[in-house]
Amino acid sequence: MIRIVKRKLAVEKELLSKIEWACTFSNCEPKIKNGNLRMVEKTNIAYVEPHSVVIKEKLYLFFNEHEYFYIGNLANKIPLSKLRDFISGN
């Protein structure tokens, strides 16, 4: 039987502060759900689920120690420095 081990990942303080800083200019409150590390037991297969953040009814995905964020899915890669522009433009 395949067993998947799931471990929660905490959002790093630096990333959290960047998200909150970008939201303060748009007067919105982010809804943050921590990502997970999923590992298939007794193998070297692992998957990191991104942190999910809902801002103004739109889904944003973030990874710790990563200078990009994603909108909706992992196909839309955008530099983290432009987060404020995307939040304000919606």
C-alpha atoms as a PDB file:
ATOM      1  CA  MET A   1       0.000   0.000   0.000  1.00  0.00           C
ATOM      2  CA  ILE A   2       1.257   3.485  -0.838  1.00  0.00           C
ATOM      3  CA  ARG A   3       1.347   5.819   2.122  1.00  0.00           C
ATOM      4  CA  ILE A   4       1.679   9.576   1.706  1.00  0.00           C
ATOM      5  CA  VAL A   5       3.121  11.577   4.569  1.00  0.00           C
ATOM      6  CA  LYS A   6       1.922  15.177   4.795  1.00  0.00           C
ATOM      7  CA  ARG A   7       3.800  17.879   6.732  1.00  0.00           C
ATOM      8  CA  LYS A   8       2.693  21.485   7.052  1.00  0.00           C
ATOM      9  CA  LEU A   9       5.086  24.196   5.949  1.00  0.00           C
ATOM     10  CA  ALA A  10       5.008  27.549   7.700  1.00  0.00           C
ATOM     11  CA  VAL A  11       5.060  30.747   5.677  1.00  0.00           C
ATOM     12  CA  GLU A  12       8.392  32.463   6.263  1.00  0.00           C
ATOM     13  CA  LYS A  13       8.184  35.789   8.095  1.00  0.00           C
ATOM     14  CA  GLU A  14       9.837  37.672   5.233  1.00  0.00           C
ATOM     15  CA  LEU A  15       7.341  36.363   2.679  1.00  0.00           C
ATOM     16  CA  LEU A  16       4.424  37.018   5.026  1.00  0.00           C
ATOM     17  CA  SER A  17       5.534  40.611   5.554  1.00  0.00           C
ATOM     18  CA  LYS A  18       5.786  41.178   1.775  1.00  0.00           C
ATOM     19  CA  ILE A  19       2.253  39.861   1.267  1.00  0.00           C
ATOM     20  CA  GLU A  20       0.830  41.957   4.105  1.00  0.00           C
ATOM     21  CA  TRP A  21       2.727  45.051   2.920  1.00  0.00           C
ATOM     22  CA  ALA A  22       1.264  44.727  -0.593  1.00  0.00           C
ATOM     23  CA  CYS A  23      -2.241  44.295   0.847  1.00  0.00           C
ATOM     24  CA  THR A  24      -2.065  47.406   3.039  1.00  0.00           C
ATOM     25  CA  PHE A  25      -2.050  49.645  -0.041  1.00  0.00           C
ATOM     26  CA  SER A  26      -5.262  48.072  -1.339  1.00  0.00           C
ATOM     27  CA  ASN A  27      -7.044  47.966   2.026  1.00  0.00           C
ATOM     28  CA  CYS A  28      -7.575  44.220   1.807  1.00  0.00           C
ATOM     29  CA  GLU A  29      -6.994  41.297   4.131  1.00  0.00           C
ATOM     30  CA  PRO A  30      -5.185  38.219   2.782  1.00  0.00           C
ATOM     31  CA  LYS A  31      -6.555  34.774   3.662  1.00  0.00           C
ATOM     32  CA  ILE A  32      -3.494  32.548   3.994  1.00  0.00           C
ATOM     33  CA  LYS A  33      -3.419  28.758   3.944  1.00  0.00           C
ATOM     34  CA  ASN A  34      -0.025  27.180   4.631  1.00  0.00           C
ATOM     35  CA  GLY A  35       1.464  24.847   2.062  1.00  0.00           C
ATOM     36  CA  ASN A  36       2.440  21.226   2.652  1.00  0.00           C
ATOM     37  CA  LEU A  37       5.244  18.837   1.937  1.00  0.00           C
ATOM     38  CA  ARG A  38       3.862  15.532   0.652  1.00  0.00           C
ATOM     39  CA  MET A  39       6.201  12.564   0.576  1.00  0.00           C
ATOM     40  CA  VAL A  40       5.570   9.022  -0.620  1.00  0.00           C
ATOM     41  CA  GLU A  41       6.856   6.824   2.176  1.00  0.00           C
ATOM     42  CA  LYS A  42       9.845   4.544   1.410  1.00  0.00           C
ATOM     43  CA  THR A  43      10.619   6.409  -1.828  1.00  0.00           C
ATOM     44  CA  ASN A  44      12.429   9.592  -2.774  1.00  0.00           C
ATOM     45  CA  ILE A  45       9.277  11.136  -4.275  1.00  0.00           C
ATOM     46  CA  ALA A  46       8.155  14.406  -2.720  1.00  0.00           C
ATOM     47  CA  TYR A  47       5.971  17.353  -3.711  1.00  0.00           C
ATOM     48  CA  VAL A  48       5.859  20.819  -2.178  1.00  0.00           C
ATOM     49  CA  GLU A  49       2.397  22.358  -2.247  1.00  0.00           C
ATOM     50  CA  PRO A  50       2.545  26.158  -2.413  1.00  0.00           C
ATOM     51  CA  HIS A  51       1.089  28.497   0.177  1.00  0.00           C
ATOM     52  CA  SER A  52      -2.372  29.578  -1.009  1.00  0.00           C
ATOM     53  CA  VAL A  53      -3.396  33.181  -0.452  1.00  0.00           C
ATOM     54  CA  VAL A  54      -6.795  34.564  -1.418  1.00  0.00           C
ATOM     55  CA  ILE A  55      -6.742  38.317  -1.963  1.00  0.00           C
ATOM     56  CA  LYS A  56      -9.849  40.045  -3.273  1.00  0.00           C
ATOM     57  CA  GLU A  57     -11.419  36.716  -4.310  1.00  0.00           C
ATOM     58  CA  LYS A  58      -8.349  35.800  -6.427  1.00  0.00           C
ATOM     59  CA  LEU A  59      -5.984  32.880  -5.710  1.00  0.00           C
ATOM     60  CA  TYR A  60      -2.253  33.588  -5.406  1.00  0.00           C
ATOM     61  CA  LEU A  61       0.351  30.854  -4.868  1.00  0.00           C
ATOM     62  CA  PHE A  62       3.666  31.406  -3.066  1.00  0.00           C
ATOM     63  CA  PHE A  63       6.722  29.319  -2.211  1.00  0.00           C
ATOM     64  CA  ASN A  64       9.178  30.092   0.599  1.00  0.00           C
ATOM     65  CA  GLU A  65      12.536  31.474  -0.598  1.00  0.00           C
ATOM     66  CA  HIS A  66      11.182  32.081  -4.093  1.00  0.00           C
ATOM     67  CA  GLU A  67      11.174  35.456  -5.838  1.00  0.00           C
ATOM     68  CA  TYR A  68       8.040  34.733  -7.867  1.00  0.00           C
ATOM     69  CA  PHE A  69       4.359  34.196  -7.181  1.00  0.00           C
ATOM     70  CA  TYR A  70       1.659  32.580  -9.282  1.00  0.00           C
ATOM     71  CA  ILE A  71      -1.935  33.542 -10.039  1.00  0.00           C
ATOM     72  CA  GLY A  72      -4.507  30.761 -10.213  1.00  0.00           C
ATOM     73  CA  ASN A  73      -2.075  27.973 -11.158  1.00  0.00           C
ATOM     74  CA  LEU A  74       1.640  27.389 -11.633  1.00  0.00           C
ATOM     75  CA  ALA A  75       1.561  28.491 -15.279  1.00  0.00           C
ATOM     76  CA  ASN A  76       1.320  32.240 -14.482  1.00  0.00           C
ATOM     77  CA  LYS A  77       4.735  33.157 -13.003  1.00  0.00           C
ATOM     78  CA  ILE A  78       5.163  36.791 -11.908  1.00  0.00           C
ATOM     79  CA  PRO A  79       7.996  38.510  -9.987  1.00  0.00           C
ATOM     80  CA  LEU A  80       7.175  39.087  -6.321  1.00  0.00           C
ATOM     81  CA  SER A  81       8.112  42.748  -6.712  1.00  0.00           C
ATOM     82  CA  LYS A  82       4.945  43.230  -8.845  1.00  0.00           C
ATOM     83  CA  LEU A  83       2.519  41.778  -6.273  1.00  0.00           C
ATOM     84  CA  ARG A  84       1.289  45.212  -5.197  1.00  0.00           C
ATOM     85  CA  ASP A  85       0.482  46.135  -8.820  1.00  0.00           C
ATOM     86  CA  PHE A  86      -1.565  42.963  -9.333  1.00  0.00           C
ATOM     87  CA  ILE A  87      -3.514  43.437  -6.116  1.00  0.00           C
ATOM     88  CA  SER A  88      -4.224  47.104  -6.875  1.00  0.00           C
ATOM     89  CA  GLY A  89      -5.231  46.378 -10.468  1.00  0.00           C
ATOM     90  CA  ASN A  90      -8.014  43.999  -9.425  1.00  0.00           C
END
